[in-house]
Amino acid sequence: RTDISHYRPAHVHFLIRATGCEPLVTHLFEEGAPYLDSDVVFGTKSDLVVEFERHPPGATPGGGTSDVPWLHAHYDFVLQPTAKR
């Protein structure tokens, strides 16, 4: 392909660990971000593109407060159980 960008779409990385499960390393992309269709590492999958809700400074879901605008996204991560040996 010749229409590949040198840039990556906006994304957030995750490393998730839980007892009895394989670690999960993944990322989520912001819906509508530039370069979604031309990611240089071909990492964008439709299942990993989510809406990020923008919020003004103030209360956060964790019960704290933020002095700056913040983003919120919902995604259900699925962990694979560790194989029994």
N, C-alpha and C. Protein backbone atom coordinates (compact mmCIF):
# COMPACT_ATOMS: atom_id res chain seq x y z
N ARG A 1 0.84 -1.19 0.00
CA ARG A 1 0.00 0.00 0.00
C ARG A 1 0.87 1.24 0.00
N THR A 2 0.43 2.25 -0.68
CA THR A 2 1.18 3.50 -0.71
C THR A 2 0.50 4.61 0.06
N ASP A 3 -0.68 4.33 0.64
CA ASP A 3 -1.41 5.36 1.36
C ASP A 3 -1.25 5.23 2.87
N ILE A 4 -0.17 4.59 3.32
CA ILE A 4 0.09 4.41 4.74
C ILE A 4 0.66 5.70 5.31
N SER A 5 0.14 6.11 6.45
CA SER A 5 0.62 7.31 7.13
C SER A 5 1.89 6.99 7.92
N HIS A 6 2.66 8.01 8.22
CA HIS A 6 3.81 7.86 9.11
C HIS A 6 3.37 7.96 10.56
N TYR A 7 2.12 8.27 10.78
CA TYR A 7 1.60 8.53 12.12
C TYR A 7 0.68 7.41 12.58
N ARG A 8 0.49 7.32 13.89
CA ARG A 8 -0.44 6.35 14.48
C ARG A 8 -1.71 7.09 14.90
N PRO A 9 -2.86 6.42 14.86
CA PRO A 9 -4.07 7.02 15.39
C PRO A 9 -3.96 7.12 16.92
N ALA A 10 -4.72 8.04 17.50
CA ALA A 10 -4.72 8.20 18.96
C ALA A 10 -5.13 6.88 19.61
N HIS A 11 -4.35 6.44 20.62
CA HIS A 11 -4.65 5.18 21.28
C HIS A 11 -4.07 5.17 22.70
N VAL A 12 -4.58 4.23 23.51
CA VAL A 12 -4.12 4.05 24.89
C VAL A 12 -3.71 2.59 25.04
N HIS A 13 -2.56 2.36 25.67
CA HIS A 13 -2.06 1.00 25.89
C HIS A 13 -2.53 0.46 27.24
N PHE A 14 -2.73 -0.86 27.30
CA PHE A 14 -3.14 -1.53 28.54
C PHE A 14 -2.31 -2.79 28.74
N LEU A 15 -1.93 -3.05 30.00
CA LEU A 15 -1.35 -4.32 30.43
C LEU A 15 -2.21 -4.75 31.61
N ILE A 16 -2.93 -5.86 31.44
CA ILE A 16 -3.88 -6.31 32.45
C ILE A 16 -3.45 -7.68 32.94
N ARG A 17 -3.38 -7.81 34.28
CA ARG A 17 -3.01 -9.09 34.90
C ARG A 17 -4.04 -9.44 35.96
N ALA A 18 -4.35 -10.72 36.06
CA ALA A 18 -5.24 -11.22 37.11
C ALA A 18 -4.81 -12.64 37.45
N THR A 19 -4.91 -12.98 38.72
CA THR A 19 -4.55 -14.33 39.16
C THR A 19 -5.36 -15.37 38.39
N GLY A 20 -4.68 -16.39 37.90
CA GLY A 20 -5.34 -17.47 37.18
C GLY A 20 -5.59 -17.18 35.71
N CYS A 21 -5.09 -16.04 35.22
CA CYS A 21 -5.31 -15.67 33.82
C CYS A 21 -4.00 -15.29 33.15
N GLU A 22 -3.97 -15.45 31.84
CA GLU A 22 -2.83 -14.99 31.05
C GLU A 22 -2.83 -13.46 31.04
N PRO A 23 -1.65 -12.81 31.09
CA PRO A 23 -1.61 -11.36 30.96
C PRO A 23 -2.15 -10.94 29.60
N LEU A 24 -2.78 -9.79 29.55
CA LEU A 24 -3.30 -9.24 28.30
C LEU A 24 -2.62 -7.91 28.03
N VAL A 25 -2.00 -7.79 26.87
CA VAL A 25 -1.42 -6.53 26.41
C VAL A 25 -2.21 -6.13 25.18
N THR A 26 -2.79 -4.93 25.20
CA THR A 26 -3.59 -4.48 24.06
C THR A 26 -3.62 -2.95 24.04
N HIS A 27 -4.38 -2.41 23.14
CA HIS A 27 -4.58 -0.96 23.07
C HIS A 27 -5.98 -0.69 22.53
N LEU A 28 -6.48 0.50 22.84
CA LEU A 28 -7.78 0.95 22.32
C LEU A 28 -7.55 2.24 21.54
N PHE A 29 -8.27 2.36 20.44
CA PHE A 29 -8.16 3.54 19.58
C PHE A 29 -9.38 4.42 19.74
N GLU A 30 -9.17 5.72 19.62
CA GLU A 30 -10.27 6.67 19.73
C GLU A 30 -11.07 6.72 18.43
N GLU A 31 -12.38 6.48 18.56
CA GLU A 31 -13.27 6.55 17.41
C GLU A 31 -13.16 7.92 16.75
N GLY A 32 -13.02 7.94 15.44
CA GLY A 32 -12.94 9.19 14.70
C GLY A 32 -11.56 9.82 14.65
N ALA A 33 -10.56 9.17 15.26
CA ALA A 33 -9.20 9.73 15.27
C ALA A 33 -8.61 9.71 13.86
N PRO A 34 -7.81 10.72 13.54
CA PRO A 34 -7.11 10.68 12.25
C PRO A 34 -6.21 9.44 12.17
N TYR A 35 -6.01 8.94 10.98
CA TYR A 35 -5.10 7.84 10.67
C TYR A 35 -5.63 6.45 11.02
N LEU A 36 -6.90 6.32 11.42
CA LEU A 36 -7.45 4.99 11.71
C LEU A 36 -7.36 4.07 10.50
N ASP A 37 -7.54 4.62 9.32
CA ASP A 37 -7.54 3.81 8.10
C ASP A 37 -6.16 3.65 7.47
N SER A 38 -5.14 4.26 8.09
CA SER A 38 -3.81 4.18 7.48
C SER A 38 -2.73 4.00 8.55
N ASP A 39 -3.02 3.23 9.59
CA ASP A 39 -2.08 2.99 10.69
C ASP A 39 -0.81 2.33 10.16
N VAL A 40 0.33 2.91 10.47
CA VAL A 40 1.60 2.44 9.94
C VAL A 40 1.94 1.02 10.41
N VAL A 41 1.42 0.57 11.55
CA VAL A 41 1.71 -0.79 12.02
C VAL A 41 0.51 -1.71 11.86
N PHE A 42 -0.52 -1.25 11.15
CA PHE A 42 -1.72 -2.05 10.89
C PHE A 42 -2.34 -2.58 12.18
N GLY A 43 -2.28 -1.78 13.26
CA GLY A 43 -2.77 -2.24 14.57
C GLY A 43 -4.23 -1.95 14.84
N THR A 44 -4.89 -1.18 13.98
CA THR A 44 -6.29 -0.84 14.25
C THR A 44 -7.20 -1.96 13.79
N LYS A 45 -7.99 -2.45 14.72
CA LYS A 45 -9.03 -3.45 14.44
C LYS A 45 -10.34 -2.83 14.91
N SER A 46 -11.41 -3.05 14.19
CA SER A 46 -12.68 -2.40 14.53
C SER A 46 -13.12 -2.71 15.96
N ASP A 47 -12.79 -3.90 16.47
CA ASP A 47 -13.16 -4.25 17.85
C ASP A 47 -12.39 -3.44 18.89
N LEU A 48 -11.32 -2.78 18.48
CA LEU A 48 -10.50 -2.01 19.41
C LEU A 48 -10.72 -0.50 19.28
N VAL A 49 -11.70 -0.09 18.50
CA VAL A 49 -12.01 1.33 18.32
C VAL A 49 -13.22 1.66 19.19
N VAL A 50 -13.06 2.62 20.11
CA VAL A 50 -14.13 2.95 21.05
C VAL A 50 -14.33 4.47 21.12
N GLU A 51 -15.49 4.84 21.59
CA GLU A 51 -15.80 6.26 21.79
C GLU A 51 -15.21 6.71 23.12
N PHE A 52 -14.49 7.82 23.10
CA PHE A 52 -13.99 8.44 24.32
C PHE A 52 -14.89 9.63 24.63
N GLU A 53 -15.56 9.60 25.78
CA GLU A 53 -16.43 10.70 26.18
C GLU A 53 -15.59 11.78 26.85
N ARG A 54 -15.75 13.00 26.40
CA ARG A 54 -15.01 14.12 26.99
C ARG A 54 -15.82 14.73 28.13
N HIS A 55 -15.12 15.04 29.23
CA HIS A 55 -15.76 15.62 30.41
C HIS A 55 -15.00 16.87 30.85
N PRO A 56 -15.70 17.85 31.39
CA PRO A 56 -15.04 19.05 31.89
C PRO A 56 -14.35 18.74 33.22
N PRO A 57 -13.51 19.66 33.70
CA PRO A 57 -12.92 19.46 35.02
C PRO A 57 -14.02 19.24 36.06
N GLY A 58 -13.70 18.46 37.07
CA GLY A 58 -14.69 18.18 38.12
C GLY A 58 -14.59 16.75 38.58
N ALA A 59 -15.73 16.21 39.03
CA ALA A 59 -15.78 14.87 39.61
C ALA A 59 -15.42 13.81 38.57
N THR A 60 -14.70 12.77 39.02
CA THR A 60 -14.32 11.65 38.17
C THR A 60 -15.03 10.38 38.66
N PRO A 61 -15.11 9.34 37.83
CA PRO A 61 -15.82 8.12 38.22
C PRO A 61 -15.26 7.45 39.48
N GLY A 62 -13.97 7.62 39.75
CA GLY A 62 -13.35 7.00 40.91
C GLY A 62 -13.59 7.75 42.21
N GLY A 63 -14.36 8.82 42.16
CA GLY A 63 -14.66 9.59 43.36
C GLY A 63 -13.72 10.76 43.60
N GLY A 64 -12.74 10.94 42.74
CA GLY A 64 -11.82 12.06 42.87
C GLY A 64 -12.30 13.26 42.06
N THR A 65 -11.41 14.22 41.92
CA THR A 65 -11.70 15.38 41.09
C THR A 65 -10.51 15.64 40.18
N SER A 66 -10.79 16.26 39.06
CA SER A 66 -9.75 16.61 38.11
C SER A 66 -9.82 18.11 37.84
N ASP A 67 -8.66 18.74 37.80
CA ASP A 67 -8.58 20.17 37.51
C ASP A 67 -8.56 20.44 36.00
N VAL A 68 -8.46 19.39 35.22
CA VAL A 68 -8.39 19.53 33.76
C VAL A 68 -9.46 18.66 33.12
N PRO A 69 -9.83 18.93 31.88
CA PRO A 69 -10.79 18.04 31.20
C PRO A 69 -10.23 16.62 31.16
N TRP A 70 -11.12 15.64 31.14
CA TRP A 70 -10.70 14.23 31.14
C TRP A 70 -11.59 13.42 30.22
N LEU A 71 -11.11 12.22 29.87
CA LEU A 71 -11.82 11.33 28.94
C LEU A 71 -12.25 10.06 29.66
N HIS A 72 -13.34 9.47 29.18
CA HIS A 72 -13.86 8.22 29.75
C HIS A 72 -14.27 7.32 28.59
N ALA A 73 -13.90 6.04 28.68
CA ALA A 73 -14.30 5.06 27.67
C ALA A 73 -14.75 3.79 28.39
N HIS A 74 -15.63 3.04 27.75
CA HIS A 74 -16.06 1.75 28.31
C HIS A 74 -15.64 0.65 27.34
N TYR A 75 -15.03 -0.40 27.90
CA TYR A 75 -14.61 -1.54 27.09
C TYR A 75 -14.57 -2.77 28.00
N ASP A 76 -15.08 -3.88 27.54
CA ASP A 76 -15.04 -5.13 28.30
C ASP A 76 -13.83 -5.94 27.85
N PHE A 77 -12.80 -5.98 28.69
CA PHE A 77 -11.62 -6.80 28.41
C PHE A 77 -11.93 -8.24 28.81
N VAL A 78 -11.51 -9.19 28.00
CA VAL A 78 -11.73 -10.61 28.29
C VAL A 78 -10.37 -11.28 28.47
N LEU A 79 -10.18 -11.90 29.64
CA LEU A 79 -8.92 -12.56 29.95
C LEU A 79 -9.03 -14.06 29.70
N GLN A 80 -7.94 -14.64 29.23
CA GLN A 80 -7.85 -16.07 28.97
C GLN A 80 -7.34 -16.77 30.22
N PRO A 81 -8.05 -17.80 30.71
CA PRO A 81 -7.55 -18.54 31.88
C PRO A 81 -6.18 -19.16 31.58
N THR A 82 -5.34 -19.22 32.59
CA THR A 82 -4.04 -19.86 32.45
C THR A 82 -4.23 -21.35 32.18
N ALA A 83 -3.48 -21.87 31.23
CA ALA A 83 -3.59 -23.29 30.89
C ALA A 83 -3.11 -24.13 32.07
N LYS A 84 -3.85 -25.18 32.39
CA LYS A 84 -3.45 -26.08 33.47
C LYS A 84 -2.35 -26.99 32.97
N ARG A 85 -1.36 -27.23 33.80
CA ARG A 85 -0.20 -28.06 33.41
C ARG A 85 -0.27 -29.40 34.06
